[in-house]
């Protein structure tokens, strides 16, 4: 059985980039843990929100789905996003990135 890290990487990688072994391992993990389908769907949905910057129009639907999921950690994450919705929408829609700054901070303090 692959590690949780490896399964997570396979969940987050686009399906067309997975090898046959990756698909087999992921199907096996989903068979062993049926909750993985819901969690994977929510994770991929959130990743799509972040990757495809737009108007944030799908954010509310994602938050609603996550808040109704049966996982306290995901519900808590969604509730936090809802409470700071304006900042989240700004982060999803603005072209600026703090990536270079974070890289320097991590290099200095990491």
PDB file of N, CA and C in Angstrom:
ATOM      1  N   UNK A   1       0.850  -1.183   0.000  1.00  0.00           N
ATOM      2  CA  UNK A   1       0.000   0.000   0.000  1.00  0.00           C
ATOM      3  C   UNK A   1       0.894   1.244   0.000  1.00  0.00           C
ATOM      4  N   UNK A   2       0.651   2.177  -0.904  1.00  0.00           N
ATOM      5  CA  UNK A   2       1.437   3.419  -0.948  1.00  0.00           C
ATOM      6  C   UNK A   2       1.224   4.263   0.308  1.00  0.00           C
ATOM      7  N   UNK A   3       2.173   5.126   0.589  1.00  0.00           N
ATOM      8  CA  UNK A   3       2.077   6.016   1.743  1.00  0.00           C
ATOM      9  C   UNK A   3       0.980   7.059   1.510  1.00  0.00           C
ATOM     10  N   UNK A   4       0.563   7.698   2.599  1.00  0.00           N
ATOM     11  CA  UNK A   4      -0.447   8.759   2.498  1.00  0.00           C
ATOM     12  C   UNK A   4       0.051   9.881   1.603  1.00  0.00           C
ATOM     13  N   UNK A   5       1.332  10.199   1.694  1.00  0.00           N
ATOM     14  CA  UNK A   5       1.908  11.253   0.852  1.00  0.00           C
ATOM     15  C   UNK A   5       1.803  10.894  -0.626  1.00  0.00           C
ATOM     16  N   UNK A   6       2.088   9.655  -0.937  1.00  0.00           N
ATOM     17  CA  UNK A   6       2.027   9.221  -2.341  1.00  0.00           C
ATOM     18  C   UNK A   6       0.586   9.213  -2.850  1.00  0.00           C
ATOM     19  N   UNK A   7      -0.344   8.781  -2.015  1.00  0.00           N
ATOM     20  CA  UNK A   7      -1.756   8.784  -2.407  1.00  0.00           C
ATOM     21  C   UNK A   7      -2.228  10.221  -2.628  1.00  0.00           C
ATOM     22  N   UNK A   8      -1.827  11.119  -1.731  1.00  0.00           N
ATOM     23  CA  UNK A   8      -2.196  12.529  -1.878  1.00  0.00           C
ATOM     24  C   UNK A   8      -1.658  13.089  -3.186  1.00  0.00           C
ATOM     25  N   UNK A   9      -0.418  12.779  -3.509  1.00  0.00           N
ATOM     26  CA  UNK A   9       0.175  13.257  -4.768  1.00  0.00           C
ATOM     27  C   UNK A   9      -0.621  12.739  -5.963  1.00  0.00           C
ATOM     28  N   UNK A  10      -1.054  11.505  -5.889  1.00  0.00           N
ATOM     29  CA  UNK A  10      -1.830  10.936  -7.002  1.00  0.00           C
ATOM     30  C   UNK A  10      -3.215  11.561  -7.093  1.00  0.00           C
ATOM     31  N   UNK A  11      -3.797  11.878  -5.962  1.00  0.00           N
ATOM     32  CA  UNK A  11      -5.106  12.530  -5.973  1.00  0.00           C
ATOM     33  C   UNK A  11      -4.995  13.902  -6.627  1.00  0.00           C
ATOM     34  N   UNK A  12      -3.937  14.628  -6.312  1.00  0.00           N
ATOM     35  CA  UNK A  12      -3.808  16.006  -6.783  1.00  0.00           C
ATOM     36  C   UNK A  12      -3.257  16.109  -8.205  1.00  0.00           C
ATOM     37  N   UNK A  13      -2.691  15.060  -8.722  1.00  0.00           N
ATOM     38  CA  UNK A  13      -2.162  15.070 -10.087  1.00  0.00           C
ATOM     39  C   UNK A  13      -3.301  14.824 -11.068  1.00  0.00           C
ATOM     40  N   UNK A  14      -3.327  15.573 -12.173  1.00  0.00           N
ATOM     41  CA  UNK A  14      -4.373  15.330 -13.179  1.00  0.00           C
ATOM     42  C   UNK A  14      -4.363  13.874 -13.650  1.00  0.00           C
ATOM     43  N   UNK A  15      -5.547  13.322 -13.847  1.00  0.00           N
ATOM     44  CA  UNK A  15      -5.679  11.918 -14.218  1.00  0.00           C
ATOM     45  C   UNK A  15      -4.863  11.501 -15.424  1.00  0.00           C
ATOM     46  N   UNK A  16      -4.745  12.392 -16.415  1.00  0.00           N
ATOM     47  CA  UNK A  16      -4.007  12.022 -17.625  1.00  0.00           C
ATOM     48  C   UNK A  16      -2.498  11.935 -17.381  1.00  0.00           C
ATOM     49  N   UNK A  17      -2.031  12.393 -16.225  1.00  0.00           N
ATOM     50  CA  UNK A  17      -0.608  12.325 -15.910  1.00  0.00           C
ATOM     51  C   UNK A  17      -0.257  11.136 -15.014  1.00  0.00           C
ATOM     52  N   UNK A  18      -1.260  10.339 -14.668  1.00  0.00           N
ATOM     53  CA  UNK A  18      -1.026   9.174 -13.831  1.00  0.00           C
ATOM     54  C   UNK A  18      -0.665   7.964 -14.684  1.00  0.00           C
ATOM     55  N   UNK A  19       0.241   7.138 -14.164  1.00  0.00           N
ATOM     56  CA  UNK A  19       0.586   5.891 -14.841  1.00  0.00           C
ATOM     57  C   UNK A  19      -0.496   4.858 -14.530  1.00  0.00           C
ATOM     58  N   UNK A  20      -0.434   3.735 -15.213  1.00  0.00           N
ATOM     59  CA  UNK A  20      -1.384   2.654 -14.937  1.00  0.00           C
ATOM     60  C   UNK A  20      -1.245   2.187 -13.488  1.00  0.00           C
ATOM     61  N   UNK A  21      -0.007   2.091 -12.995  1.00  0.00           N
ATOM     62  CA  UNK A  21       0.212   1.693 -11.600  1.00  0.00           C
ATOM     63  C   UNK A  21      -0.386   2.715 -10.634  1.00  0.00           C
ATOM     64  N   UNK A  22      -0.240   4.000 -10.962  1.00  0.00           N
ATOM     65  CA  UNK A  22      -0.829   5.048 -10.123  1.00  0.00           C
ATOM     66  C   UNK A  22      -2.340   4.872 -10.040  1.00  0.00           C
ATOM     67  N   UNK A  23      -2.976   4.651 -11.181  1.00  0.00           N
ATOM     68  CA  UNK A  23      -4.437   4.454 -11.210  1.00  0.00           C
ATOM     69  C   UNK A  23      -4.835   3.229 -10.383  1.00  0.00           C
ATOM     70  N   UNK A  24      -4.065   2.157 -10.510  1.00  0.00           N
ATOM     71  CA  UNK A  24      -4.354   0.932  -9.764  1.00  0.00           C
ATOM     72  C   UNK A  24      -4.229   1.168  -8.266  1.00  0.00           C
ATOM     73  N   UNK A  25      -3.132   1.818  -7.848  1.00  0.00           N
ATOM     74  CA  UNK A  25      -2.919   2.092  -6.426  1.00  0.00           C
ATOM     75  C   UNK A  25      -4.009   3.008  -5.866  1.00  0.00           C
ATOM     76  N   UNK A  26      -4.402   4.002  -6.641  1.00  0.00           N
ATOM     77  CA  UNK A  26      -5.441   4.930  -6.188  1.00  0.00           C
ATOM     78  C   UNK A  26      -6.788   4.217  -6.090  1.00  0.00           C
ATOM     79  N   UNK A  27      -7.098   3.390  -7.046  1.00  0.00           N
ATOM     80  CA  UNK A  27      -8.352   2.617  -6.991  1.00  0.00           C
ATOM     81  C   UNK A  27      -8.351   1.695  -5.779  1.00  0.00           C
ATOM     82  N   UNK A  28      -7.210   1.087  -5.478  1.00  0.00           N
ATOM     83  CA  UNK A  28      -7.108   0.213  -4.311  1.00  0.00           C
ATOM     84  C   UNK A  28      -7.313   1.011  -3.023  1.00  0.00           C
ATOM     85  N   UNK A  29      -6.695   2.183  -2.939  1.00  0.00           N
ATOM     86  CA  UNK A  29      -6.845   3.033  -1.753  1.00  0.00           C
ATOM     87  C   UNK A  29      -8.296   3.461  -1.587  1.00  0.00           C
ATOM     88  N   UNK A  30      -8.972   3.799  -2.678  1.00  0.00           N
ATOM     89  CA  UNK A  30     -10.379   4.201  -2.617  1.00  0.00           C
ATOM     90  C   UNK A  30     -11.265   3.039  -2.202  1.00  0.00           C
ATOM     91  N   UNK A  31     -10.903   1.840  -2.632  1.00  0.00           N
ATOM     92  CA  UNK A  31     -11.665   0.651  -2.232  1.00  0.00           C
ATOM     93  C   UNK A  31     -11.517   0.410  -0.728  1.00  0.00           C
ATOM     94  N   UNK A  32     -10.315   0.607  -0.214  1.00  0.00           N
ATOM     95  CA  UNK A  32     -10.048   0.384   1.217  1.00  0.00           C
ATOM     96  C   UNK A  32     -10.643   1.496   2.090  1.00  0.00           C
ATOM     97  N   UNK A  33     -10.756   2.694   1.511  1.00  0.00           N
ATOM     98  CA  UNK A  33     -11.254   3.840   2.276  1.00  0.00           C
ATOM     99  C   UNK A  33     -12.267   4.600   1.424  1.00  0.00           C
ATOM    100  N   UNK A  34     -13.541   4.214   1.502  1.00  0.00           N
ATOM    101  CA  UNK A  34     -14.569   4.853   0.670  1.00  0.00           C
ATOM    102  C   UNK A  34     -14.674   6.371   0.868  1.00  0.00           C
ATOM    103  N   UNK A  35     -14.307   6.872   2.043  1.00  0.00           N
ATOM    104  CA  UNK A  35     -14.342   8.320   2.281  1.00  0.00           C
ATOM    105  C   UNK A  35     -13.361   9.070   1.388  1.00  0.00           C
ATOM    106  N   UNK A  36     -12.385   8.357   0.862  1.00  0.00           N
ATOM    107  CA  UNK A  36     -11.364   8.993   0.043  1.00  0.00           C
ATOM    108  C   UNK A  36     -11.952   9.659  -1.200  1.00  0.00           C
ATOM    109  N   UNK A  37     -13.037   9.117  -1.743  1.00  0.00           N
ATOM    110  CA  UNK A  37     -13.662   9.733  -2.919  1.00  0.00           C
ATOM    111  C   UNK A  37     -14.162  11.139  -2.606  1.00  0.00           C
ATOM    112  N   UNK A  38     -14.850  11.293  -1.484  1.00  0.00           N
ATOM    113  CA  UNK A  38     -15.370  12.608  -1.102  1.00  0.00           C
ATOM    114  C   UNK A  38     -14.234  13.572  -0.801  1.00  0.00           C
ATOM    115  N   UNK A  39     -13.254  13.098  -0.051  1.00  0.00           N
ATOM    116  CA  UNK A  39     -12.111  13.944   0.309  1.00  0.00           C
ATOM    117  C   UNK A  39     -11.345  14.356  -0.941  1.00  0.00           C
ATOM    118  N   UNK A  40     -11.122  13.416  -1.844  1.00  0.00           N
ATOM    119  CA  UNK A  40     -10.401  13.717  -3.085  1.00  0.00           C
ATOM    120  C   UNK A  40     -11.165  14.732  -3.926  1.00  0.00           C
ATOM    121  N   UNK A  41     -12.475  14.581  -3.998  1.00  0.00           N
ATOM    122  CA  UNK A  41     -13.303  15.519  -4.760  1.00  0.00           C
ATOM    123  C   UNK A  41     -13.186  16.930  -4.194  1.00  0.00           C
ATOM    124  N   UNK A  42     -13.247  17.046  -2.877  1.00  0.00           N
ATOM    125  CA  UNK A  42     -13.123  18.365  -2.243  1.00  0.00           C
ATOM    126  C   UNK A  42     -11.727  18.949  -2.457  1.00  0.00           C
ATOM    127  N   UNK A  43     -10.707  18.124  -2.328  1.00  0.00           N
ATOM    128  CA  UNK A  43      -9.336  18.603  -2.511  1.00  0.00           C
ATOM    129  C   UNK A  43      -9.103  19.070  -3.948  1.00  0.00           C
ATOM    130  N   UNK A  44      -9.568  18.281  -4.905  1.00  0.00           N
ATOM    131  CA  UNK A  44      -9.409  18.673  -6.309  1.00  0.00           C
ATOM    132  C   UNK A  44     -10.208  19.938  -6.623  1.00  0.00           C
ATOM    133  N   UNK A  45     -11.391  20.047  -6.042  1.00  0.00           N
ATOM    134  CA  UNK A  45     -12.201  21.247  -6.251  1.00  0.00           C
ATOM    135  C   UNK A  45     -11.512  22.489  -5.719  1.00  0.00           C
ATOM    136  N   UNK A  46     -10.911  22.369  -4.538  1.00  0.00           N
ATOM    137  CA  UNK A  46     -10.205  23.522  -3.972  1.00  0.00           C
ATOM    138  C   UNK A  46      -8.974  23.854  -4.813  1.00  0.00           C
ATOM    139  N   UNK A  47      -8.240  22.839  -5.236  1.00  0.00           N
ATOM    140  CA  UNK A  47      -7.067  23.073  -6.072  1.00  0.00           C
ATOM    141  C   UNK A  47      -7.456  23.778  -7.372  1.00  0.00           C
ATOM    142  N   UNK A  48      -8.585  23.404  -7.944  1.00  0.00           N
ATOM    143  CA  UNK A  48      -9.065  24.062  -9.164  1.00  0.00           C
ATOM    144  C   UNK A  48      -9.377  25.529  -8.905  1.00  0.00           C
ATOM    145  N   UNK A  49      -9.948  25.832  -7.740  1.00  0.00           N
ATOM    146  CA  UNK A  49     -10.224  27.236  -7.389  1.00  0.00           C
ATOM    147  C   UNK A  49      -8.926  28.042  -7.361  1.00  0.00           C
ATOM    148  N   UNK A  50      -7.898  27.454  -6.801  1.00  0.00           N
ATOM    149  CA  UNK A  50      -6.624  28.154  -6.661  1.00  0.00           C
ATOM    150  C   UNK A  50      -5.892  28.264  -8.000  1.00  0.00           C
ATOM    151  N   UNK A  51      -5.890  27.184  -8.760  1.00  0.00           N
ATOM    152  CA  UNK A  51      -5.148  27.164 -10.031  1.00  0.00           C
ATOM    153  C   UNK A  51      -5.762  28.053 -11.108  1.00  0.00           C
ATOM    154  N   UNK A  52      -7.062  28.064 -11.172  1.00  0.00           N
ATOM    155  CA  UNK A  52      -7.752  28.762 -12.257  1.00  0.00           C
ATOM    156  C   UNK A  52      -8.335  30.061 -11.728  1.00  0.00           C
ATOM    157  N   UNK A  53      -7.433  31.004 -11.512  1.00  0.00           N
ATOM    158  CA  UNK A  53      -7.880  32.286 -10.966  1.00  0.00           C
ATOM    159  C   UNK A  53      -8.973  32.858 -11.854  1.00  0.00           C
ATOM    160  N   UNK A  54      -9.984  33.322 -11.221  1.00  0.00           N
ATOM    161  CA  UNK A  54     -11.098  33.914 -11.947  1.00  0.00           C
ATOM    162  C   UNK A  54     -11.794  34.874 -11.028  1.00  0.00           C
ATOM    163  N   UNK A  55     -13.078  34.765 -10.962  1.00  0.00           N
ATOM    164  CA  UNK A  55     -13.857  35.691 -10.139  1.00  0.00           C
ATOM    165  C   UNK A  55     -14.146  35.134  -8.764  1.00  0.00           C
ATOM    166  N   UNK A  56     -13.760  33.899  -8.503  1.00  0.00           N
ATOM    167  CA  UNK A  56     -14.090  33.275  -7.236  1.00  0.00           C
ATOM    168  C   UNK A  56     -15.529  32.821  -7.183  1.00  0.00           C
ATOM    169  N   UNK A  57     -16.199  32.761  -8.344  1.00  0.00           N
ATOM    170  CA  UNK A  57     -17.630  32.449  -8.388  1.00  0.00           C
ATOM    171  C   UNK A  57     -17.963  31.051  -7.879  1.00  0.00           C
ATOM    172  N   UNK A  58     -17.014  30.133  -7.911  1.00  0.00           N
ATOM    173  CA  UNK A  58     -17.292  28.775  -7.459  1.00  0.00           C
ATOM    174  C   UNK A  58     -16.938  28.578  -5.991  1.00  0.00           C
ATOM    175  N   UNK A  59     -16.398  29.596  -5.368  1.00  0.00           N
ATOM    176  CA  UNK A  59     -15.970  29.497  -3.978  1.00  0.00           C
ATOM    177  C   UNK A  59     -17.128  29.163  -3.045  1.00  0.00           C
ATOM    178  N   UNK A  60     -18.224  29.865  -3.163  1.00  0.00           N
ATOM    179  CA  UNK A  60     -19.353  29.637  -2.258  1.00  0.00           C
ATOM    180  C   UNK A  60     -19.885  28.206  -2.374  1.00  0.00           C
ATOM    181  N   UNK A  61     -19.940  27.691  -3.588  1.00  0.00           N
ATOM    182  CA  UNK A  61     -20.413  26.320  -3.773  1.00  0.00           C
ATOM    183  C   UNK A  61     -19.442  25.334  -3.128  1.00  0.00           C
ATOM    184  N   UNK A  62     -18.131  25.583  -3.277  1.00  0.00           N
ATOM    185  CA  UNK A  62     -17.148  24.702  -2.652  1.00  0.00           C
ATOM    186  C   UNK A  62     -17.268  24.764  -1.127  1.00  0.00           C
ATOM    187  N   UNK A  63     -17.374  25.965  -0.590  1.00  0.00           N
ATOM    188  CA  UNK A  63     -17.508  26.120   0.862  1.00  0.00           C
ATOM    189  C   UNK A  63     -18.747  25.381   1.355  1.00  0.00           C
ATOM    190  N   UNK A  64     -19.843  25.504   0.636  1.00  0.00           N
ATOM    191  CA  UNK A  64     -21.081  24.832   1.038  1.00  0.00           C
ATOM    192  C   UNK A  64     -20.896  23.313   1.045  1.00  0.00           C
ATOM    193  N   UNK A  65     -20.291  22.774  -0.001  1.00  0.00           N
ATOM    194  CA  UNK A  65     -20.045  21.325  -0.050  1.00  0.00           C
ATOM    195  C   UNK A  65     -19.135  20.891   1.092  1.00  0.00           C
ATOM    196  N   UNK A  66     -18.071  21.665   1.343  1.00  0.00           N
ATOM    197  CA  UNK A  66     -17.114  21.312   2.393  1.00  0.00           C
ATOM    198  C   UNK A  66     -17.741  21.409   3.780  1.00  0.00           C
ATOM    199  N   UNK A  67     -18.590  22.401   3.988  1.00  0.00           N
ATOM    200  CA  UNK A  67     -19.253  22.558   5.291  1.00  0.00           C
ATOM    201  C   UNK A  67     -20.206  21.403   5.579  1.00  0.00           C
ATOM    202  N   UNK A  68     -20.726  20.772   4.540  1.00  0.00           N
ATOM    203  CA  UNK A  68     -21.653  19.664   4.718  1.00  0.00           C
ATOM    204  C   UNK A  68     -20.962  18.307   4.638  1.00  0.00           C
ATOM    205  N   UNK A  69     -19.652  18.320   4.484  1.00  0.00           N
ATOM    206  CA  UNK A  69     -18.902  17.069   4.479  1.00  0.00           C
ATOM    207  C   UNK A  69     -18.846  16.536   5.912  1.00  0.00           C
ATOM    208  N   UNK A  70     -18.641  15.275   6.035  1.00  0.00           N
ATOM    209  CA  UNK A  70     -18.636  14.662   7.357  1.00  0.00           C
ATOM    210  C   UNK A  70     -17.286  14.681   8.051  1.00  0.00           C
ATOM    211  N   UNK A  71     -16.445  15.627   7.720  1.00  0.00           N
ATOM    212  CA  UNK A  71     -15.087  15.652   8.256  1.00  0.00           C
ATOM    213  C   UNK A  71     -14.851  16.966   8.992  1.00  0.00           C
ATOM    214  N   UNK A  72     -14.670  16.924  10.304  1.00  0.00           N
ATOM    215  CA  UNK A  72     -14.533  18.160  11.084  1.00  0.00           C
ATOM    216  C   UNK A  72     -13.412  19.075  10.597  1.00  0.00           C
ATOM    217  N   UNK A  73     -12.296  18.501  10.168  1.00  0.00           N
ATOM    218  CA  UNK A  73     -11.177  19.323   9.715  1.00  0.00           C
ATOM    219  C   UNK A  73     -11.539  20.115   8.452  1.00  0.00           C
ATOM    220  N   UNK A  74     -12.222  19.464   7.541  1.00  0.00           N
ATOM    221  CA  UNK A  74     -12.616  20.133   6.297  1.00  0.00           C
ATOM    222  C   UNK A  74     -13.707  21.161   6.581  1.00  0.00           C
ATOM    223  N   UNK A  75     -14.652  20.802   7.449  1.00  0.00           N
ATOM    224  CA  UNK A  75     -15.696  21.767   7.825  1.00  0.00           C
ATOM    225  C   UNK A  75     -15.080  22.997   8.481  1.00  0.00           C
ATOM    226  N   UNK A  76     -14.090  22.791   9.353  1.00  0.00           N
ATOM    227  CA  UNK A  76     -13.421  23.916  10.014  1.00  0.00           C
ATOM    228  C   UNK A  76     -12.691  24.797   9.027  1.00  0.00           C
ATOM    229  N   UNK A  77     -12.017  24.180   8.057  1.00  0.00           N
ATOM    230  CA  UNK A  77     -11.320  24.933   7.019  1.00  0.00           C
ATOM    231  C   UNK A  77     -12.310  25.775   6.225  1.00  0.00           C
ATOM    232  N   UNK A  78     -13.426  25.163   5.844  1.00  0.00           N
ATOM    233  CA  UNK A  78     -14.449  25.867   5.059  1.00  0.00           C
ATOM    234  C   UNK A  78     -15.073  27.000   5.859  1.00  0.00           C
ATOM    235  N   UNK A  79     -15.318  26.767   7.130  1.00  0.00           N
ATOM    236  CA  UNK A  79     -15.895  27.808   7.982  1.00  0.00           C
ATOM    237  C   UNK A  79     -14.938  28.992   8.098  1.00  0.00           C
ATOM    238  N   UNK A  80     -13.661  28.708   8.246  1.00  0.00           N
ATOM    239  CA  UNK A  80     -12.665  29.779   8.296  1.00  0.00           C
ATOM    240  C   UNK A  80     -12.622  30.574   7.004  1.00  0.00           C
ATOM    241  N   UNK A  81     -12.720  29.885   5.881  1.00  0.00           N
ATOM    242  CA  UNK A  81     -12.724  30.578   4.593  1.00  0.00           C
ATOM    243  C   UNK A  81     -13.971  31.440   4.449  1.00  0.00           C
ATOM    244  N   UNK A  82     -15.097  30.928   4.897  1.00  0.00           N
ATOM    245  CA  UNK A  82     -16.346  31.692   4.806  1.00  0.00           C
ATOM    246  C   UNK A  82     -16.284  32.943   5.673  1.00  0.00           C
ATOM    247  N   UNK A  83     -15.656  32.830   6.836  1.00  0.00           N
ATOM    248  CA  UNK A  83     -15.602  33.988   7.733  1.00  0.00           C
ATOM    249  C   UNK A  83     -14.659  35.065   7.218  1.00  0.00           C
ATOM    250  N   UNK A  84     -13.741  34.694   6.351  1.00  0.00           N
ATOM    251  CA  UNK A  84     -12.819  35.675   5.776  1.00  0.00           C
ATOM    252  C   UNK A  84     -12.939  35.655   4.252  1.00  0.00           C
ATOM    253  N   UNK A  85     -14.182  35.517   3.782  1.00  0.00           N
ATOM    254  CA  UNK A  85     -14.474  35.328   2.367  1.00  0.00           C
ATOM    255  C   UNK A  85     -13.865  36.401   1.471  1.00  0.00           C
ATOM    256  N   UNK A  86     -13.966  37.673   1.862  1.00  0.00           N
ATOM    257  CA  UNK A  86     -13.442  38.751   1.011  1.00  0.00           C
ATOM    258  C   UNK A  86     -11.949  38.579   0.758  1.00  0.00           C
ATOM    259  N   UNK A  87     -11.207  38.218   1.788  1.00  0.00           N
ATOM    260  CA  UNK A  87      -9.763  38.012   1.626  1.00  0.00           C
ATOM    261  C   UNK A  87      -9.483  36.797   0.744  1.00  0.00           C
ATOM    262  N   UNK A  88     -10.273  35.745   0.903  1.00  0.00           N
ATOM    263  CA  UNK A  88     -10.094  34.551   0.082  1.00  0.00           C
ATOM    264  C   UNK A  88     -10.377  34.868  -1.382  1.00  0.00           C
ATOM    265  N   UNK A  89     -11.461  35.571  -1.648  1.00  0.00           N
ATOM    266  CA  UNK A  89     -11.788  35.952  -3.029  1.00  0.00           C
ATOM    267  C   UNK A  89     -10.676  36.818  -3.607  1.00  0.00           C
ATOM    268  N   UNK A  90     -10.168  37.750  -2.823  1.00  0.00           N
ATOM    269  CA  UNK A  90      -9.063  38.591  -3.303  1.00  0.00           C
ATOM    270  C   UNK A  90      -7.850  37.731  -3.634  1.00  0.00           C
ATOM    271  N   UNK A  91      -7.555  36.757  -2.788  1.00  0.00           N
ATOM    272  CA  UNK A  91      -6.424  35.873  -3.050  1.00  0.00           C
ATOM    273  C   UNK A  91      -6.616  35.028  -4.289  1.00  0.00           C
ATOM    274  N   UNK A  92      -7.848  34.656  -4.568  1.00  0.00           N
ATOM    275  CA  UNK A  92      -8.123  33.837  -5.747  1.00  0.00           C
ATOM    276  C   UNK A  92      -8.168  34.647  -7.032  1.00  0.00           C
ATOM    277  N   UNK A  93      -8.469  35.937  -6.934  1.00  0.00           N
ATOM    278  CA  UNK A  93      -8.704  36.722  -8.148  1.00  0.00           C
ATOM    279  C   UNK A  93      -7.596  37.710  -8.488  1.00  0.00           C
ATOM    280  N   UNK A  94      -6.768  38.047  -7.536  1.00  0.00           N
ATOM    281  CA  UNK A  94      -5.718  39.027  -7.805  1.00  0.00           C
ATOM    282  C   UNK A  94      -4.504  38.350  -8.443  1.00  0.00           C
ATOM    283  N   UNK A  95      -3.811  39.040  -9.334  1.00  0.00           N
ATOM    284  CA  UNK A  95      -2.669  38.436 -10.020  1.00  0.00           C
ATOM    285  C   UNK A  95      -1.391  38.404  -9.185  1.00  0.00           C
ATOM    286  N   UNK A  96      -1.394  39.038  -8.032  1.00  0.00           N
ATOM    287  CA  UNK A  96      -0.168  39.112  -7.236  1.00  0.00           C
ATOM    288  C   UNK A  96       0.073  37.816  -6.497  1.00  0.00           C
ATOM    289  N   UNK A  97       1.347  37.553  -6.243  1.00  0.00           N
ATOM    290  CA  UNK A  97       1.734  36.353  -5.518  1.00  0.00           C
ATOM    291  C   UNK A  97       2.758  36.712  -4.454  1.00  0.00           C
ATOM    292  N   UNK A  98       2.631  36.095  -3.294  1.00  0.00           N
ATOM    293  CA  UNK A  98       3.624  36.298  -2.251  1.00  0.00           C
ATOM    294  C   UNK A  98       4.651  35.175  -2.262  1.00  0.00           C
ATOM    295  N   UNK A  99       4.611  34.342  -3.278  1.00  0.00           N
ATOM    296  CA  UNK A  99       5.529  33.204  -3.377  1.00  0.00           C
ATOM    297  C   UNK A  99       6.989  33.563  -3.236  1.00  0.00           C
ATOM    298  N   UNK A 100       7.505  34.563  -3.985  1.00  0.00           N
ATOM    299  CA  UNK A 100       8.913  34.911  -3.835  1.00  0.00           C
ATOM    300  C   UNK A 100       9.263  35.376  -2.421  1.00  0.00           C
ATOM    301  N   UNK A 101       8.386  36.137  -1.804  1.00  0.00           N
ATOM    302  CA  UNK A 101       8.640  36.595  -0.435  1.00  0.00           C
ATOM    303  C   UNK A 101       8.664  35.406   0.516  1.00  0.00           C
ATOM    304  N   UNK A 102       7.690  34.503   0.377  1.00  0.00           N
ATOM    305  CA  UNK A 102       7.647  33.340   1.240  1.00  0.00           C
ATOM    306  C   UNK A 102       8.905  32.492   1.061  1.00  0.00           C
ATOM    307  N   UNK A 103       9.382  32.391  -0.171  1.00  0.00           N
ATOM    308  CA  UNK A 103      10.615  31.638  -0.424  1.00  0.00           C
ATOM    309  C   UNK A 103      11.790  32.240   0.324  1.00  0.00           C
ATOM    310  N   UNK A 104      11.901  33.565   0.313  1.00  0.00           N
ATOM    311  CA  UNK A 104      12.998  34.213   1.037  1.00  0.00           C
ATOM    312  C   UNK A 104      12.851  34.034   2.544  1.00  0.00           C
ATOM    313  N   UNK A 105      11.638  34.165   3.051  1.00  0.00           N
ATOM    314  CA  UNK A 105      11.399  33.990   4.483  1.00  0.00           C
ATOM    315  C   UNK A 105      11.755  32.566   4.897  1.00  0.00           C
ATOM    316  N   UNK A 106      11.327  31.588   4.112  1.00  0.00           N
ATOM    317  CA  UNK A 106      11.648  30.210   4.441  1.00  0.00           C
ATOM    318  C   UNK A 106      13.151  29.942   4.392  1.00  0.00           C
ATOM    319  N   UNK A 107      13.838  30.567   3.460  1.00  0.00           N
ATOM    320  CA  UNK A 107      15.277  30.408   3.332  1.00  0.00           C
ATOM    321  C   UNK A 107      15.978  31.014   4.541  1.00  0.00           C
ATOM    322  N   UNK A 108      15.512  32.171   4.976  1.00  0.00           N
ATOM    323  CA  UNK A 108      16.150  32.892   6.091  1.00  0.00           C
ATOM    324  C   UNK A 108      15.834  32.211   7.429  1.00  0.00           C
ATOM    325  N   UNK A 109      14.562  31.876   7.641  1.00  0.00           N
ATOM    326  CA  UNK A 109      14.148  31.360   8.948  1.00  0.00           C
ATOM    327  C   UNK A 109      13.984  29.846   8.986  1.00  0.00           C
ATOM    328  N   UNK A 110      14.039  29.213   7.825  1.00  0.00           N
ATOM    329  CA  UNK A 110      13.768  27.760   7.750  1.00  0.00           C
ATOM    330  C   UNK A 110      14.856  26.893   8.225  1.00  0.00           C
TER     331      UNK A 110
END
